[in-house]
Amino acid sequence: MKQVIIATNNKGKAKDFEALLVPLGYEVLTLQDIDKDIDVEETGTTFEENAILKAEETAAILGKPVISDDSGLEIDALGGEPGVYSARYAGEQKNDDANIDKVLEKLEGVPDEKRTARFRCVLAIAAPGEKTETFSGTCGGRILTGRRGTHGFGYDPIFFVPALDKAMAELKPEEKAEISHRGNALRELKAAMPAWLS
């Protein structure tokens, strides 16, 4: 069985990729499955730059195809923040609750119609000697004034999806996959996969 490595330690992300790649005959591994300490510094200023950095460096070290993902939240009223700093918005320790608190504080007093936002995901797929390709997906919505729901992670409890009249954290995993930024990027990747794999 051919292997593809997902440049993440997040098992939740790995499940999304397994659903796509296992039927195509691939074994999906994450950085946790590999006996190497790989930590690529994300020095890019865009999701695309960071995804490419992670994919290319990891593929060069391992000599295997690698898919990486960089994603986050863009809030219009905050000029696109937190953007590439989504995971560390409130500090280096990557604390979801602290990040949410910071967003809610910064948006205090901002009316509903001006709380528009989107989740954005960029996937990069790299392999030694191959041209790196990227695929992206978004999911639009707006930021609530408080938390709702218990599913998901990150900013899901304050991200409202108008089409479903629910916060992202109120959606079951399969409902989220249908509309999420990562789900949309994965569908783009899947459409291109047969050509890329050949």
N, C-alpha and C. Protein backbone atom coordinates (compact mmCIF):
# COMPACT_ATOMS: atom_id res chain seq x y z
N MET A 1 0.84 -1.20 0.00
CA MET A 1 0.00 0.00 0.00
C MET A 1 0.88 1.25 0.00
N LYS A 2 0.54 2.21 -0.85
CA LYS A 2 1.32 3.44 -0.91
C LYS A 2 0.97 4.31 0.30
N GLN A 3 1.96 5.08 0.73
CA GLN A 3 1.73 5.92 1.91
C GLN A 3 1.72 7.39 1.53
N VAL A 4 0.87 8.14 2.21
CA VAL A 4 0.93 9.59 2.10
C VAL A 4 0.94 10.12 3.53
N ILE A 5 1.77 11.13 3.75
CA ILE A 5 1.93 11.66 5.10
C ILE A 5 1.21 13.00 5.20
N ILE A 6 0.43 13.15 6.24
CA ILE A 6 -0.23 14.43 6.51
C ILE A 6 0.64 15.16 7.54
N ALA A 7 1.10 16.36 7.18
CA ALA A 7 2.02 17.09 8.06
C ALA A 7 1.26 17.72 9.22
N THR A 8 0.80 16.87 10.13
CA THR A 8 0.08 17.34 11.31
C THR A 8 0.24 16.34 12.45
N ASN A 9 0.05 16.82 13.67
CA ASN A 9 -0.02 15.94 14.84
C ASN A 9 -1.47 15.82 15.31
N ASN A 10 -2.38 16.46 14.58
CA ASN A 10 -3.78 16.52 14.96
C ASN A 10 -4.54 15.33 14.34
N LYS A 11 -4.93 14.37 15.20
CA LYS A 11 -5.60 13.15 14.73
C LYS A 11 -6.97 13.46 14.11
N GLY A 12 -7.60 14.54 14.56
CA GLY A 12 -8.90 14.94 14.00
C GLY A 12 -8.76 15.29 12.53
N LYS A 13 -7.71 16.04 12.19
CA LYS A 13 -7.46 16.38 10.79
C LYS A 13 -7.18 15.12 9.97
N ALA A 14 -6.44 14.19 10.56
CA ALA A 14 -6.06 12.96 9.85
C ALA A 14 -7.30 12.18 9.40
N LYS A 15 -8.34 12.16 10.24
CA LYS A 15 -9.58 11.44 9.89
C LYS A 15 -10.21 11.99 8.62
N ASP A 16 -10.18 13.33 8.48
CA ASP A 16 -10.73 13.97 7.27
C ASP A 16 -10.01 13.44 6.03
N PHE A 17 -8.69 13.30 6.13
CA PHE A 17 -7.89 12.86 4.98
C PHE A 17 -8.07 11.36 4.70
N GLU A 18 -8.22 10.58 5.78
CA GLU A 18 -8.40 9.14 5.61
C GLU A 18 -9.64 8.84 4.76
N ALA A 19 -10.72 9.56 5.04
CA ALA A 19 -11.97 9.35 4.30
C ALA A 19 -11.76 9.53 2.80
N LEU A 20 -10.87 10.43 2.43
CA LEU A 20 -10.61 10.73 1.03
C LEU A 20 -9.60 9.76 0.39
N LEU A 21 -8.52 9.46 1.11
CA LEU A 21 -7.38 8.78 0.49
C LEU A 21 -7.37 7.25 0.62
N VAL A 22 -7.98 6.72 1.68
CA VAL A 22 -7.99 5.26 1.86
C VAL A 22 -8.69 4.57 0.67
N PRO A 23 -9.86 5.09 0.20
CA PRO A 23 -10.49 4.45 -0.96
C PRO A 23 -9.63 4.49 -2.23
N LEU A 24 -8.66 5.42 -2.29
CA LEU A 24 -7.77 5.50 -3.45
C LEU A 24 -6.54 4.60 -3.29
N GLY A 25 -6.54 3.79 -2.20
CA GLY A 25 -5.45 2.84 -2.01
C GLY A 25 -4.26 3.39 -1.26
N TYR A 26 -4.47 4.44 -0.47
CA TYR A 26 -3.37 5.04 0.29
C TYR A 26 -3.51 4.78 1.78
N GLU A 27 -2.37 4.54 2.40
CA GLU A 27 -2.32 4.50 3.87
C GLU A 27 -1.97 5.90 4.34
N VAL A 28 -2.78 6.44 5.24
CA VAL A 28 -2.57 7.81 5.72
C VAL A 28 -1.81 7.79 7.04
N LEU A 29 -0.67 8.48 7.07
CA LEU A 29 0.12 8.60 8.29
C LEU A 29 0.21 10.07 8.70
N THR A 30 0.35 10.31 10.00
CA THR A 30 0.59 11.67 10.47
C THR A 30 2.02 11.74 11.03
N LEU A 31 2.44 12.91 11.43
CA LEU A 31 3.78 13.07 11.99
C LEU A 31 3.95 12.25 13.27
N GLN A 32 2.83 11.93 13.93
CA GLN A 32 2.89 11.11 15.15
C GLN A 32 3.28 9.67 14.83
N ASP A 33 3.02 9.24 13.59
CA ASP A 33 3.32 7.85 13.20
C ASP A 33 4.77 7.67 12.74
N ILE A 34 5.49 8.77 12.63
CA ILE A 34 6.84 8.71 12.07
C ILE A 34 7.86 8.97 13.17
N ASP A 35 8.92 8.18 13.15
CA ASP A 35 9.91 8.29 14.22
C ASP A 35 10.94 9.39 13.92
N LYS A 36 10.44 10.57 13.60
CA LYS A 36 11.33 11.70 13.33
C LYS A 36 10.70 12.93 13.95
N ASP A 37 11.53 13.80 14.50
CA ASP A 37 11.00 15.02 15.10
C ASP A 37 11.04 16.13 14.05
N ILE A 38 9.90 16.36 13.41
CA ILE A 38 9.83 17.38 12.35
C ILE A 38 8.98 18.53 12.85
N ASP A 39 9.58 19.71 12.91
CA ASP A 39 8.82 20.89 13.31
C ASP A 39 9.20 22.04 12.39
N VAL A 40 8.39 22.23 11.36
CA VAL A 40 8.68 23.27 10.37
C VAL A 40 8.17 24.60 10.91
N GLU A 41 9.05 25.60 10.91
CA GLU A 41 8.65 26.91 11.40
C GLU A 41 7.78 27.59 10.34
N GLU A 42 6.59 28.02 10.77
CA GLU A 42 5.66 28.66 9.84
C GLU A 42 5.96 30.15 9.77
N THR A 43 6.82 30.53 8.82
CA THR A 43 7.26 31.92 8.72
C THR A 43 6.50 32.68 7.63
N GLY A 44 5.56 32.01 6.96
CA GLY A 44 4.80 32.65 5.89
C GLY A 44 3.82 33.68 6.42
N THR A 45 3.40 34.59 5.53
CA THR A 45 2.43 35.61 5.93
C THR A 45 1.04 35.29 5.39
N THR A 46 0.93 34.17 4.65
CA THR A 46 -0.38 33.73 4.15
C THR A 46 -0.55 32.24 4.45
N PHE A 47 -1.80 31.77 4.42
CA PHE A 47 -2.07 30.34 4.63
C PHE A 47 -1.34 29.53 3.55
N GLU A 48 -1.34 30.05 2.32
CA GLU A 48 -0.73 29.33 1.21
C GLU A 48 0.78 29.15 1.44
N GLU A 49 1.45 30.24 1.82
CA GLU A 49 2.90 30.16 2.06
C GLU A 49 3.23 29.14 3.15
N ASN A 50 2.46 29.16 4.23
CA ASN A 50 2.72 28.22 5.34
C ASN A 50 2.45 26.77 4.94
N ALA A 51 1.37 26.54 4.19
CA ALA A 51 1.05 25.17 3.77
C ALA A 51 2.16 24.63 2.86
N ILE A 52 2.64 25.45 1.93
CA ILE A 52 3.70 25.04 1.02
C ILE A 52 5.00 24.75 1.78
N LEU A 53 5.35 25.65 2.70
CA LEU A 53 6.55 25.47 3.53
C LEU A 53 6.54 24.12 4.24
N LYS A 54 5.41 23.84 4.91
CA LYS A 54 5.28 22.59 5.68
C LYS A 54 5.35 21.37 4.78
N ALA A 55 4.63 21.41 3.64
CA ALA A 55 4.59 20.25 2.75
C ALA A 55 5.95 19.98 2.13
N GLU A 56 6.59 21.03 1.60
CA GLU A 56 7.86 20.84 0.88
C GLU A 56 8.99 20.40 1.82
N GLU A 57 9.07 21.05 3.00
CA GLU A 57 10.15 20.68 3.92
C GLU A 57 9.99 19.26 4.44
N THR A 58 8.74 18.89 4.76
CA THR A 58 8.48 17.55 5.29
C THR A 58 8.73 16.49 4.21
N ALA A 59 8.30 16.78 2.97
CA ALA A 59 8.51 15.84 1.86
C ALA A 59 10.01 15.65 1.59
N ALA A 60 10.78 16.73 1.69
CA ALA A 60 12.23 16.66 1.46
C ALA A 60 12.90 15.81 2.53
N ILE A 61 12.47 15.95 3.78
CA ILE A 61 13.07 15.18 4.89
C ILE A 61 12.72 13.70 4.77
N LEU A 62 11.46 13.39 4.40
CA LEU A 62 10.99 12.00 4.42
C LEU A 62 11.09 11.28 3.08
N GLY A 63 11.23 12.05 1.99
CA GLY A 63 11.30 11.43 0.68
C GLY A 63 10.01 10.76 0.25
N LYS A 64 8.88 11.27 0.75
CA LYS A 64 7.56 10.70 0.43
C LYS A 64 6.58 11.84 0.14
N PRO A 65 5.45 11.53 -0.52
CA PRO A 65 4.43 12.57 -0.73
C PRO A 65 3.86 13.05 0.62
N VAL A 66 3.67 14.35 0.71
CA VAL A 66 3.17 14.95 1.95
C VAL A 66 2.05 15.94 1.61
N ILE A 67 0.99 15.89 2.42
CA ILE A 67 -0.06 16.91 2.31
C ILE A 67 -0.05 17.71 3.60
N SER A 68 -0.04 19.04 3.47
CA SER A 68 -0.13 19.85 4.68
C SER A 68 -1.29 20.81 4.53
N ASP A 69 -1.70 21.34 5.65
CA ASP A 69 -2.87 22.21 5.65
C ASP A 69 -2.55 23.40 6.55
N ASP A 70 -2.91 24.58 6.10
CA ASP A 70 -2.85 25.73 6.99
C ASP A 70 -4.21 26.40 6.91
N SER A 71 -4.77 26.68 8.05
CA SER A 71 -6.12 27.21 8.04
C SER A 71 -6.34 28.12 9.23
N GLY A 72 -7.40 28.91 9.14
CA GLY A 72 -7.70 29.81 10.24
C GLY A 72 -8.93 30.64 9.95
N LEU A 73 -9.15 31.61 10.81
CA LEU A 73 -10.34 32.45 10.79
C LEU A 73 -9.97 33.86 10.34
N GLU A 74 -10.78 34.41 9.44
CA GLU A 74 -10.59 35.80 9.00
C GLU A 74 -11.86 36.58 9.35
N ILE A 75 -11.69 37.64 10.14
CA ILE A 75 -12.84 38.45 10.57
C ILE A 75 -12.75 39.82 9.90
N ASP A 76 -13.78 40.17 9.12
CA ASP A 76 -13.74 41.41 8.34
C ASP A 76 -13.57 42.66 9.21
N ALA A 77 -14.30 42.73 10.32
CA ALA A 77 -14.24 43.92 11.17
C ALA A 77 -12.87 44.10 11.84
N LEU A 78 -12.07 43.04 11.84
CA LEU A 78 -10.72 43.12 12.43
C LEU A 78 -9.65 43.12 11.33
N GLY A 79 -10.06 43.49 10.12
CA GLY A 79 -9.09 43.58 9.02
C GLY A 79 -8.49 42.24 8.63
N GLY A 80 -9.27 41.16 8.83
CA GLY A 80 -8.77 39.83 8.45
C GLY A 80 -8.11 39.06 9.58
N GLU A 81 -7.99 39.69 10.77
CA GLU A 81 -7.45 38.95 11.93
C GLU A 81 -8.46 37.88 12.34
N PRO A 82 -7.96 36.84 13.05
CA PRO A 82 -6.58 36.50 13.39
C PRO A 82 -5.76 35.90 12.25
N GLY A 83 -6.42 35.47 11.15
CA GLY A 83 -5.68 35.00 9.98
C GLY A 83 -4.67 33.91 10.29
N VAL A 84 -3.43 34.09 9.78
CA VAL A 84 -2.41 33.04 9.97
C VAL A 84 -2.02 32.87 11.44
N TYR A 85 -2.44 33.81 12.29
CA TYR A 85 -2.12 33.71 13.73
C TYR A 85 -3.28 33.10 14.52
N SER A 86 -4.25 32.47 13.82
CA SER A 86 -5.45 31.96 14.48
C SER A 86 -5.16 31.07 15.69
N ALA A 87 -4.23 30.12 15.55
CA ALA A 87 -3.95 29.17 16.64
C ALA A 87 -3.28 29.84 17.83
N ARG A 88 -2.51 30.92 17.56
CA ARG A 88 -1.75 31.57 18.64
C ARG A 88 -2.22 33.01 18.89
N TYR A 89 -3.47 33.29 18.59
CA TYR A 89 -3.97 34.67 18.64
C TYR A 89 -3.79 35.30 20.02
N ALA A 90 -4.02 34.51 21.07
CA ALA A 90 -3.92 35.05 22.43
C ALA A 90 -2.59 34.70 23.09
N GLY A 91 -1.65 34.15 22.32
CA GLY A 91 -0.34 33.80 22.89
C GLY A 91 0.18 32.49 22.35
N GLU A 92 1.46 32.25 22.58
CA GLU A 92 2.16 31.08 22.02
C GLU A 92 1.60 29.74 22.48
N GLN A 93 0.84 29.73 23.61
CA GLN A 93 0.43 28.44 24.17
C GLN A 93 -0.75 27.79 23.45
N LYS A 94 -1.26 28.40 22.35
CA LYS A 94 -2.35 27.80 21.55
C LYS A 94 -3.56 27.40 22.40
N ASN A 95 -4.20 28.37 23.04
CA ASN A 95 -5.34 28.09 23.91
C ASN A 95 -6.64 28.54 23.24
N ASP A 96 -7.50 27.55 22.88
CA ASP A 96 -8.74 27.87 22.16
C ASP A 96 -9.62 28.86 22.92
N ASP A 97 -9.78 28.64 24.22
CA ASP A 97 -10.66 29.51 25.01
C ASP A 97 -10.13 30.94 25.08
N ALA A 98 -8.83 31.07 25.27
CA ALA A 98 -8.22 32.41 25.33
C ALA A 98 -8.35 33.12 23.99
N ASN A 99 -8.18 32.36 22.90
CA ASN A 99 -8.32 32.94 21.56
C ASN A 99 -9.74 33.45 21.33
N ILE A 100 -10.74 32.64 21.74
CA ILE A 100 -12.15 33.04 21.59
C ILE A 100 -12.43 34.29 22.42
N ASP A 101 -11.94 34.29 23.67
CA ASP A 101 -12.15 35.46 24.54
C ASP A 101 -11.59 36.74 23.90
N LYS A 102 -10.41 36.62 23.28
CA LYS A 102 -9.78 37.79 22.66
C LYS A 102 -10.64 38.31 21.50
N VAL A 103 -11.16 37.40 20.68
CA VAL A 103 -12.02 37.79 19.55
C VAL A 103 -13.28 38.49 20.07
N LEU A 104 -13.93 37.88 21.07
CA LEU A 104 -15.17 38.45 21.59
C LEU A 104 -14.94 39.84 22.19
N GLU A 105 -13.80 39.99 22.85
CA GLU A 105 -13.45 41.28 23.46
C GLU A 105 -13.24 42.34 22.36
N LYS A 106 -12.50 41.96 21.31
CA LYS A 106 -12.21 42.91 20.23
C LYS A 106 -13.46 43.31 19.45
N LEU A 107 -14.47 42.41 19.44
CA LEU A 107 -15.69 42.68 18.67
C LEU A 107 -16.82 43.26 19.53
N GLU A 108 -16.49 43.55 20.79
CA GLU A 108 -17.54 44.07 21.68
C GLU A 108 -18.15 45.34 21.09
N GLY A 109 -19.48 45.38 21.02
CA GLY A 109 -20.16 46.56 20.50
C GLY A 109 -20.30 46.59 18.98
N VAL A 110 -19.68 45.64 18.28
CA VAL A 110 -19.80 45.59 16.81
C VAL A 110 -21.14 44.92 16.48
N PRO A 111 -21.99 45.59 15.68
CA PRO A 111 -23.32 45.02 15.38
C PRO A 111 -23.23 43.74 14.55
N ASP A 112 -24.28 42.91 14.66
CA ASP A 112 -24.35 41.62 13.96
C ASP A 112 -23.94 41.67 12.50
N GLU A 113 -24.50 42.64 11.77
CA GLU A 113 -24.27 42.67 10.31
C GLU A 113 -22.81 42.99 9.96
N LYS A 114 -22.06 43.49 10.94
CA LYS A 114 -20.65 43.81 10.66
C LYS A 114 -19.70 42.74 11.23
N ARG A 115 -20.26 41.61 11.69
CA ARG A 115 -19.44 40.55 12.31
C ARG A 115 -19.17 39.41 11.31
N THR A 116 -19.14 39.74 10.02
CA THR A 116 -18.91 38.73 8.99
C THR A 116 -17.49 38.17 9.07
N ALA A 117 -17.38 36.89 8.74
CA ALA A 117 -16.08 36.21 8.86
C ALA A 117 -16.08 34.97 7.97
N ARG A 118 -14.91 34.40 7.79
CA ARG A 118 -14.84 33.11 7.09
C ARG A 118 -13.70 32.29 7.65
N PHE A 119 -13.90 30.98 7.63
CA PHE A 119 -12.80 30.05 7.85
C PHE A 119 -12.18 29.80 6.49
N ARG A 120 -10.85 29.80 6.43
CA ARG A 120 -10.15 29.52 5.17
C ARG A 120 -9.16 28.39 5.39
N CYS A 121 -9.07 27.48 4.42
CA CYS A 121 -8.12 26.36 4.50
C CYS A 121 -7.36 26.27 3.18
N VAL A 122 -6.05 26.16 3.26
CA VAL A 122 -5.24 25.89 2.07
C VAL A 122 -4.49 24.57 2.30
N LEU A 123 -4.64 23.65 1.34
CA LEU A 123 -3.90 22.39 1.37
C LEU A 123 -2.77 22.48 0.36
N ALA A 124 -1.60 21.99 0.73
CA ALA A 124 -0.49 21.89 -0.22
C ALA A 124 -0.08 20.43 -0.30
N ILE A 125 0.16 19.94 -1.52
CA ILE A 125 0.60 18.57 -1.69
C ILE A 125 1.95 18.62 -2.40
N ALA A 126 2.96 18.00 -1.77
CA ALA A 126 4.34 18.05 -2.28
C ALA A 126 4.94 16.65 -2.29
N ALA A 127 5.84 16.42 -3.22
CA ALA A 127 6.58 15.16 -3.27
C ALA A 127 7.94 15.46 -3.89
N PRO A 128 8.97 14.69 -3.51
CA PRO A 128 10.31 14.93 -4.06
C PRO A 128 10.28 14.91 -5.59
N GLY A 129 10.82 15.95 -6.21
CA GLY A 129 10.90 16.01 -7.67
C GLY A 129 9.61 16.38 -8.38
N GLU A 130 8.55 16.67 -7.61
CA GLU A 130 7.26 17.04 -8.21
C GLU A 130 6.96 18.51 -7.94
N LYS A 131 6.11 19.09 -8.79
CA LYS A 131 5.69 20.48 -8.59
C LYS A 131 4.62 20.48 -7.47
N THR A 132 4.80 21.36 -6.50
CA THR A 132 3.84 21.47 -5.40
C THR A 132 2.55 22.11 -5.91
N GLU A 133 1.42 21.55 -5.45
CA GLU A 133 0.13 22.13 -5.82
C GLU A 133 -0.65 22.52 -4.58
N THR A 134 -1.49 23.54 -4.71
CA THR A 134 -2.31 23.96 -3.57
C THR A 134 -3.79 23.94 -3.95
N PHE A 135 -4.63 23.72 -2.93
CA PHE A 135 -6.08 23.68 -3.08
C PHE A 135 -6.66 24.44 -1.90
N SER A 136 -7.72 25.22 -2.15
CA SER A 136 -8.25 25.99 -1.02
C SER A 136 -9.76 25.88 -0.92
N GLY A 137 -10.24 26.15 0.28
CA GLY A 137 -11.67 26.13 0.53
C GLY A 137 -12.01 27.15 1.61
N THR A 138 -13.23 27.69 1.55
CA THR A 138 -13.67 28.63 2.58
C THR A 138 -15.07 28.25 3.07
N CYS A 139 -15.43 28.81 4.20
CA CYS A 139 -16.78 28.67 4.73
C CYS A 139 -17.15 30.00 5.38
N GLY A 140 -18.18 30.65 4.85
CA GLY A 140 -18.55 31.97 5.35
C GLY A 140 -19.57 31.92 6.46
N GLY A 141 -19.53 32.95 7.31
CA GLY A 141 -20.50 33.04 8.40
C GLY A 141 -20.31 34.34 9.15
N ARG A 142 -20.69 34.33 10.43
CA ARG A 142 -20.42 35.52 11.24
C ARG A 142 -20.13 35.12 12.68
N ILE A 143 -19.56 36.06 13.41
CA ILE A 143 -19.12 35.77 14.77
C ILE A 143 -20.23 36.10 15.77
N LEU A 144 -20.55 35.12 16.60
CA LEU A 144 -21.58 35.30 17.64
C LEU A 144 -21.04 36.16 18.78
N THR A 145 -21.92 36.54 19.70
CA THR A 145 -21.47 37.33 20.86
C THR A 145 -21.13 36.43 22.05
N GLY A 146 -21.40 35.13 21.91
CA GLY A 146 -21.06 34.17 22.97
C GLY A 146 -20.95 32.77 22.38
N ARG A 147 -20.48 31.83 23.20
CA ARG A 147 -20.26 30.46 22.72
C ARG A 147 -21.57 29.67 22.60
N ARG A 148 -21.60 28.76 21.60
CA ARG A 148 -22.74 27.85 21.43
C ARG A 148 -22.22 26.50 20.95
N GLY A 149 -22.74 25.42 21.53
CA GLY A 149 -22.39 24.08 21.04
C GLY A 149 -21.17 23.46 21.71
N THR A 150 -21.03 22.15 21.54
CA THR A 150 -19.96 21.42 22.23
C THR A 150 -19.08 20.59 21.28
N HIS A 151 -19.39 20.63 19.97
CA HIS A 151 -18.59 19.86 19.00
C HIS A 151 -17.43 20.71 18.47
N GLY A 152 -16.57 20.05 17.68
CA GLY A 152 -15.52 20.78 16.98
C GLY A 152 -14.42 21.27 17.90
N PHE A 153 -13.64 22.23 17.39
CA PHE A 153 -12.52 22.78 18.16
C PHE A 153 -12.24 24.19 17.66
N GLY A 154 -11.24 24.83 18.22
CA GLY A 154 -10.88 26.18 17.77
C GLY A 154 -12.01 27.18 17.98
N TYR A 155 -12.31 27.91 16.93
CA TYR A 155 -13.31 28.99 17.01
C TYR A 155 -14.73 28.51 16.72
N ASP A 156 -14.92 27.20 16.55
CA ASP A 156 -16.24 26.66 16.19
C ASP A 156 -17.40 27.16 17.07
N PRO A 157 -17.20 27.32 18.41
CA PRO A 157 -18.34 27.74 19.24
C PRO A 157 -18.84 29.16 18.98
N ILE A 158 -18.03 30.02 18.34
CA ILE A 158 -18.51 31.40 18.10
C ILE A 158 -18.72 31.68 16.61
N PHE A 159 -18.58 30.63 15.77
CA PHE A 159 -18.74 30.83 14.32
C PHE A 159 -20.13 30.36 13.90
N PHE A 160 -20.97 31.32 13.50
CA PHE A 160 -22.36 31.03 13.14
C PHE A 160 -22.48 30.82 11.63
N VAL A 161 -23.14 29.71 11.24
CA VAL A 161 -23.34 29.38 9.82
C VAL A 161 -24.79 29.70 9.46
N PRO A 162 -25.05 30.85 8.80
CA PRO A 162 -26.43 31.27 8.54
C PRO A 162 -27.25 30.24 7.77
N ALA A 163 -26.63 29.55 6.80
CA ALA A 163 -27.37 28.58 5.97
C ALA A 163 -27.98 27.46 6.81
N LEU A 164 -27.34 27.14 7.93
CA LEU A 164 -27.83 26.05 8.79
C LEU A 164 -28.44 26.57 10.09
N ASP A 165 -28.37 27.89 10.29
CA ASP A 165 -28.90 28.53 11.50
C ASP A 165 -28.31 27.91 12.78
N LYS A 166 -27.03 27.57 12.71
CA LYS A 166 -26.36 26.95 13.86
C LYS A 166 -24.92 27.45 13.95
N ALA A 167 -24.37 27.37 15.16
CA ALA A 167 -22.93 27.60 15.31
C ALA A 167 -22.21 26.35 14.81
N MET A 168 -20.98 26.52 14.33
CA MET A 168 -20.19 25.39 13.84
C MET A 168 -20.09 24.29 14.91
N ALA A 169 -19.98 24.69 16.17
CA ALA A 169 -19.85 23.72 17.27
C ALA A 169 -21.16 23.00 17.60
N GLU A 170 -22.27 23.42 16.96
CA GLU A 170 -23.55 22.72 17.14
C GLU A 170 -23.77 21.67 16.05
N LEU A 171 -22.84 21.58 15.09
CA LEU A 171 -22.98 20.63 13.99
C LEU A 171 -22.33 19.30 14.33
N LYS A 172 -22.95 18.20 13.88
CA LYS A 172 -22.32 16.89 14.01
C LYS A 172 -21.15 16.85 13.01
N PRO A 173 -20.13 16.01 13.27
CA PRO A 173 -18.95 15.98 12.39
C PRO A 173 -19.28 15.83 10.91
N GLU A 174 -20.28 14.97 10.60
CA GLU A 174 -20.60 14.77 9.17
C GLU A 174 -21.28 16.01 8.56
N GLU A 175 -22.06 16.74 9.40
CA GLU A 175 -22.68 17.99 8.91
C GLU A 175 -21.59 19.03 8.66
N LYS A 176 -20.62 19.09 9.58
CA LYS A 176 -19.52 20.06 9.44
C LYS A 176 -18.70 19.77 8.18
N ALA A 177 -18.44 18.48 7.92
CA ALA A 177 -17.62 18.09 6.76
C ALA A 177 -18.27 18.54 5.45
N GLU A 178 -19.61 18.58 5.44
CA GLU A 178 -20.34 18.97 4.23
C GLU A 178 -20.10 20.43 3.85
N ILE A 179 -19.90 21.29 4.85
CA ILE A 179 -19.84 22.73 4.58
C ILE A 179 -18.52 23.38 4.98
N SER A 180 -17.66 22.65 5.68
CA SER A 180 -16.48 23.29 6.25
C SER A 180 -15.44 23.68 5.21
N HIS A 181 -14.57 24.61 5.60
CA HIS A 181 -13.47 25.06 4.74
C HIS A 181 -12.54 23.89 4.39
N ARG A 182 -12.26 23.01 5.37
CA ARG A 182 -11.38 21.87 5.09
C ARG A 182 -12.08 20.87 4.16
N GLY A 183 -13.38 20.65 4.41
CA GLY A 183 -14.15 19.76 3.54
C GLY A 183 -14.15 20.26 2.10
N ASN A 184 -14.31 21.58 1.92
CA ASN A 184 -14.33 22.17 0.58
C ASN A 184 -12.96 22.06 -0.09
N ALA A 185 -11.89 22.28 0.67
CA ALA A 185 -10.53 22.15 0.12
C ALA A 185 -10.24 20.69 -0.24
N LEU A 186 -10.69 19.76 0.61
CA LEU A 186 -10.49 18.33 0.34
C LEU A 186 -11.22 17.88 -0.92
N ARG A 187 -12.42 18.44 -1.15
CA ARG A 187 -13.15 18.08 -2.37
C ARG A 187 -12.40 18.56 -3.62
N GLU A 188 -11.78 19.75 -3.53
CA GLU A 188 -10.95 20.26 -4.63
C GLU A 188 -9.76 19.33 -4.86
N LEU A 189 -9.13 18.93 -3.76
CA LEU A 189 -7.97 18.03 -3.84
C LEU A 189 -8.38 16.69 -4.45
N LYS A 190 -9.54 16.18 -4.03
CA LYS A 190 -10.00 14.87 -4.51
C LYS A 190 -10.20 14.90 -6.03
N ALA A 191 -10.74 16.01 -6.52
CA ALA A 191 -10.99 16.13 -7.96
C ALA A 191 -9.67 16.08 -8.75
N ALA A 192 -8.60 16.60 -8.15
CA ALA A 192 -7.30 16.65 -8.83
C ALA A 192 -6.44 15.42 -8.55
N MET A 193 -6.83 14.61 -7.54
CA MET A 193 -6.00 13.51 -7.07
C MET A 193 -5.60 12.51 -8.17
N PRO A 194 -6.54 11.99 -8.98
CA PRO A 194 -6.15 10.96 -9.95
C PRO A 194 -5.01 11.42 -10.85
N ALA A 195 -5.08 12.67 -11.34
CA ALA A 195 -4.03 13.20 -12.21
C ALA A 195 -2.72 13.34 -11.44
N TRP A 196 -2.82 13.82 -10.20
CA TRP A 196 -1.61 14.04 -9.39
C TRP A 196 -0.95 12.71 -9.05
N LEU A 197 -1.76 11.72 -8.70
CA LEU A 197 -1.23 10.43 -8.28
C LEU A 197 -0.60 9.65 -9.44
N SER A 198 -1.07 9.91 -10.66
CA SER A 198 -0.52 9.16 -11.78
C SER A 198 0.83 9.73 -12.19
